[in-house]
C-alpha atoms as a PDB file:
ATOM      1  CA  MET A   1      81.106  97.117  70.076  1.00  0.00           C
ATOM      2  CA  THR A   2      83.480  94.570  71.531  1.00  0.00           C
ATOM      3  CA  GLN A   3      83.740  93.886  75.226  1.00  0.00           C
ATOM      4  CA  THR A   4      86.971  94.796  76.949  1.00  0.00           C
ATOM      5  CA  THR A   5      88.525  94.659  80.364  1.00  0.00           C
ATOM      6  CA  GLY A   6      89.994  97.708  81.949  1.00  0.00           C
ATOM      7  CA  VAL A   7      90.568 100.231  84.702  1.00  0.00           C
ATOM      8  CA  GLY A   8      93.805  98.586  85.928  1.00  0.00           C
ATOM      9  CA  ARG A   9      95.764 101.217  87.816  1.00  0.00           C
ATOM     10  CA  ALA A  10      92.922 103.736  88.193  1.00  0.00           C
ATOM     11  CA  LEU A  11      91.692 102.085  91.405  1.00  0.00           C
ATOM     12  CA  CYS A  12      94.702 101.610  93.676  1.00  0.00           C
ATOM     13  CA  SER A  13      98.230 100.298  93.904  1.00  0.00           C
ATOM     14  CA  ARG A  14      99.034  97.581  91.337  1.00  0.00           C
ATOM     15  CA  LYS A  15     100.300  95.315  94.094  1.00  0.00           C
ATOM     16  CA  LEU A  16      96.946  95.344  95.849  1.00  0.00           C
ATOM     17  CA  PHE A  17      94.573  94.985  92.908  1.00  0.00           C
ATOM     18  CA  PRO A  18      94.000  92.575  90.041  1.00  0.00           C
ATOM     19  CA  LYS A  19      95.490  93.775  86.779  1.00  0.00           C
ATOM     20  CA  PHE A  20      92.127  94.127  85.003  1.00  0.00           C
ATOM     21  CA  LEU A  21      88.426  94.307  85.817  1.00  0.00           C
ATOM     22  CA  GLY A  22      85.665  93.379  83.483  1.00  0.00           C
ATOM     23  CA  PRO A  23      84.538  92.649  80.897  1.00  0.00           C
ATOM     24  CA  TYR A  24      82.591  95.848  80.369  1.00  0.00           C
ATOM     25  CA  GLN A  25      80.873  97.129  77.251  1.00  0.00           C
ATOM     26  CA  ILE A  26      82.363 100.020  75.260  1.00  0.00           C
ATOM     27  CA  SER A  27      79.674 102.733  75.134  1.00  0.00           C
ATOM     28  CA  ARG A  28      81.288 104.913  72.495  1.00  0.00           C
ATOM     29  CA  ARG A  29      84.550 105.966  70.918  1.00  0.00           C
ATOM     30  CA  ILE A  30      85.537 109.476  72.027  1.00  0.00           C
ATOM     31  CA  GLU A  31      88.768 109.825  70.023  1.00  0.00           C
ATOM     32  CA  PRO A  32      90.987 107.340  68.202  1.00  0.00           C
ATOM     33  CA  LEU A  33      92.656 106.421  71.517  1.00  0.00           C
ATOM     34  CA  ALA A  34      89.890 107.189  74.051  1.00  0.00           C
ATOM     35  CA  TYR A  35      86.818 105.072  74.792  1.00  0.00           C
ATOM     36  CA  GLU A  36      83.868 105.494  77.119  1.00  0.00           C
ATOM     37  CA  ILE A  37      83.100 102.328  79.098  1.00  0.00           C
ATOM     38  CA  ALA A  38      79.738 101.327  80.625  1.00  0.00           C
ATOM     39  CA  LEU A  39      80.691 100.668  84.248  1.00  0.00           C
ATOM     40  CA  PRO A  40      78.475  99.095  86.939  1.00  0.00           C
ATOM     41  CA  PRO A  41      77.041 101.306  89.723  1.00  0.00           C
ATOM     42  CA  GLN A  42      79.647 100.226  92.310  1.00  0.00           C
ATOM     43  CA  LEU A  43      82.351 101.794  90.090  1.00  0.00           C
ATOM     44  CA  ALA A  44      80.356 104.988  89.499  1.00  0.00           C
ATOM     45  CA  ASN A  45      83.014 107.193  91.127  1.00  0.00           C
ATOM     46  CA  LEU A  46      85.514 106.308  88.356  1.00  0.00           C
ATOM     47  CA  HIS A  47      85.866 108.399  85.231  1.00  0.00           C
ATOM     48  CA  LEU A  48      84.136 106.639  82.321  1.00  0.00           C
ATOM     49  CA  VAL A  49      86.734 107.492  79.641  1.00  0.00           C
ATOM     50  CA  PHE A  50      89.835 105.299  79.313  1.00  0.00           C
ATOM     51  CA  HIS A  51      92.892 105.367  77.091  1.00  0.00           C
ATOM     52  CA  VAL A  52      93.191 102.395  74.760  1.00  0.00           C
ATOM     53  CA  SER A  53      96.375 101.292  76.608  1.00  0.00           C
ATOM     54  CA  GLN A  54      94.233 100.518  79.690  1.00  0.00           C
ATOM     55  CA  LEU A  55      91.880  98.241  77.741  1.00  0.00           C
ATOM     56  CA  ARG A  56      92.252  94.629  76.641  1.00  0.00           C
ATOM     57  CA  LYS A  57      90.197  92.776  74.060  1.00  0.00           C
ATOM     58  CA  TYR A  58      87.889  90.106  75.431  1.00  0.00           C
ATOM     59  CA  ALA A  59      87.992  86.852  73.473  1.00  0.00           C
ATOM     60  CA  PHE A  60      84.414  85.572  73.514  1.00  0.00           C
ATOM     61  CA  ASP A  61      83.928  81.988  74.664  1.00  0.00           C
ATOM     62  CA  PRO A  62      80.338  80.744  75.122  1.00  0.00           C
ATOM     63  CA  SER A  63      81.421  78.306  77.846  1.00  0.00           C
ATOM     64  CA  HIS A  64      83.131  81.067  79.800  1.00  0.00           C
ATOM     65  CA  VAL A  65      81.176  81.971  82.920  1.00  0.00           C
ATOM     66  CA  LEU A  66      82.174  85.239  84.563  1.00  0.00           C
ATOM     67  CA  GLU A  67      81.501  85.930  88.222  1.00  0.00           C
ATOM     68  CA  ALA A  68      81.792  89.585  89.147  1.00  0.00           C
ATOM     69  CA  LYS A  69      83.158  90.379  92.592  1.00  0.00           C
ATOM     70  CA  ASP A  70      81.432  93.063  94.582  1.00  0.00           C
ATOM     71  CA  VAL A  71      84.243  95.625  94.625  1.00  0.00           C
ATOM     72  CA  GLN A  72      83.699  98.532  97.019  1.00  0.00           C
ATOM     73  CA  ILE A  73      85.668 101.585  95.893  1.00  0.00           C
ATOM     74  CA  ARG A  74      86.154 104.488  98.320  1.00  0.00           C
ATOM     75  CA  GLU A  75      85.902 108.148  97.356  1.00  0.00           C
ATOM     76  CA  ASP A  76      89.726 108.423  97.211  1.00  0.00           C
ATOM     77  CA  LEU A  77      89.783 105.546  94.637  1.00  0.00           C
ATOM     78  CA  THR A  78      91.219 102.977  97.055  1.00  0.00           C
ATOM     79  CA  MET A  79      89.817  99.725  98.345  1.00  0.00           C
ATOM     80  CA  LYS A  80      90.331  97.511 101.380  1.00  0.00           C
ATOM     81  CA  VAL A  81      92.284  94.343 100.582  1.00  0.00           C
ATOM     82  CA  GLN A  82      92.790  91.510 103.044  1.00  0.00           C
ATOM     83  CA  PRO A  83      96.173  89.749 103.106  1.00  0.00           C
ATOM     84  CA  VAL A  84      96.189  86.042 102.246  1.00  0.00           C
ATOM     85  CA  ALA A  85      99.007  84.959 104.566  1.00  0.00           C
ATOM     86  CA  LEU A  86     102.191  85.892 106.401  1.00  0.00           C
ATOM     87  CA  GLU A  87     105.036  83.916 104.886  1.00  0.00           C
ATOM     88  CA  ASP A  88     108.373  85.062 106.279  1.00  0.00           C
ATOM     89  CA  SER A  89     109.900  87.380 108.861  1.00  0.00           C
ATOM     90  CA  ARG A  90     113.181  89.187 109.330  1.00  0.00           C
ATOM     91  CA  VAL A  91     114.791  91.776 111.575  1.00  0.00           C
ATOM     92  CA  GLU A  92     116.487  94.813 110.035  1.00  0.00           C
ATOM     93  CA  GLU A  93     118.366  97.588 111.722  1.00  0.00           C
ATOM     94  CA  HIS A  94     117.201 101.135 111.092  1.00  0.00           C
ATOM     95  CA  ARG A  95     119.183 103.964 112.747  1.00  0.00           C
ATOM     96  CA  GLY A  96     120.655 101.478 115.170  1.00  0.00           C
ATOM     97  CA  LYS A  97     117.305 100.037 116.269  1.00  0.00           C
ATOM     98  CA  PRO A  98     116.063  96.532 115.377  1.00  0.00           C
ATOM     99  CA  ILE A  99     112.820  96.492 113.361  1.00  0.00           C
ATOM    100  CA  SER A 100     110.768  93.295 112.919  1.00  0.00           C
ATOM    101  CA  LEU A 101     109.308  92.878 109.414  1.00  0.00           C
ATOM    102  CA  VAL A 102     106.954  90.229 108.017  1.00  0.00           C
ATOM    103  CA  LYS A 103     106.332  89.238 104.401  1.00  0.00           C
ATOM    104  CA  VAL A 104     102.617  89.765 103.667  1.00  0.00           C
ATOM    105  CA  ILE A 105     101.209  87.736 100.746  1.00  0.00           C
ATOM    106  CA  TRP A 106      98.394  89.621  98.981  1.00  0.00           C
ATOM    107  CA  ASP A 107      97.735  87.250  96.059  1.00  0.00           C
ATOM    108  CA  ARG A 108      99.201  83.773  95.550  1.00  0.00           C
ATOM    109  CA  LYS A 109      98.366  83.665  91.812  1.00  0.00           C
ATOM    110  CA  THR A 110     100.371  86.782  90.993  1.00  0.00           C
ATOM    111  CA  SER A 111     102.900  86.367  93.833  1.00  0.00           C
ATOM    112  CA  ASP A 112     102.197  89.893  95.077  1.00  0.00           C
ATOM    113  CA  TYR A 113     103.748  90.577  98.473  1.00  0.00           C
ATOM    114  CA  THR A 114     105.122  93.412 100.589  1.00  0.00           C
ATOM    115  CA  TRP A 115     107.288  93.637 103.698  1.00  0.00           C
ATOM    116  CA  LYS A 116     105.383  95.302 106.555  1.00  0.00           C
ATOM    117  CA  LEU A 117     106.185  96.189 110.134  1.00  0.00           C
ATOM    118  CA  GLU A 118     105.209  93.281 112.364  1.00  0.00           C
ATOM    119  CA  GLU A 119     103.065  95.440 114.654  1.00  0.00           C
ATOM    120  CA  ASP A 120     101.065  96.771 111.643  1.00  0.00           C
ATOM    121  CA  THR A 121      99.957  93.356 110.343  1.00  0.00           C
ATOM    122  CA  TRP A 122      96.620  91.610 110.937  1.00  0.00           C
END
């Protein structure tokens, strides 16, 4: 079997999580478009069967060294993600009241960010 990456959106919001995890070994082919993946124990609460659209082929490179992060997944399939930085701020009016917002950077590589209430950050 070939190694693939996967699980993408099954863990949490796309903005807060890397696009793919892996590589993980394909255990068996269930149907033409469904594969069972051998996942590590820390991802044991995920379903093992994935649609082929959630998988990507891993191009083998002997010089490629992979370091797996210790990802802690909660029972509700979410994880805690720390923001990288606060980059900008602005004040908006909502129902006549001023609301202070800050731009929270989650990942500089992918440019993922969200606008959060200032009192909810850090």
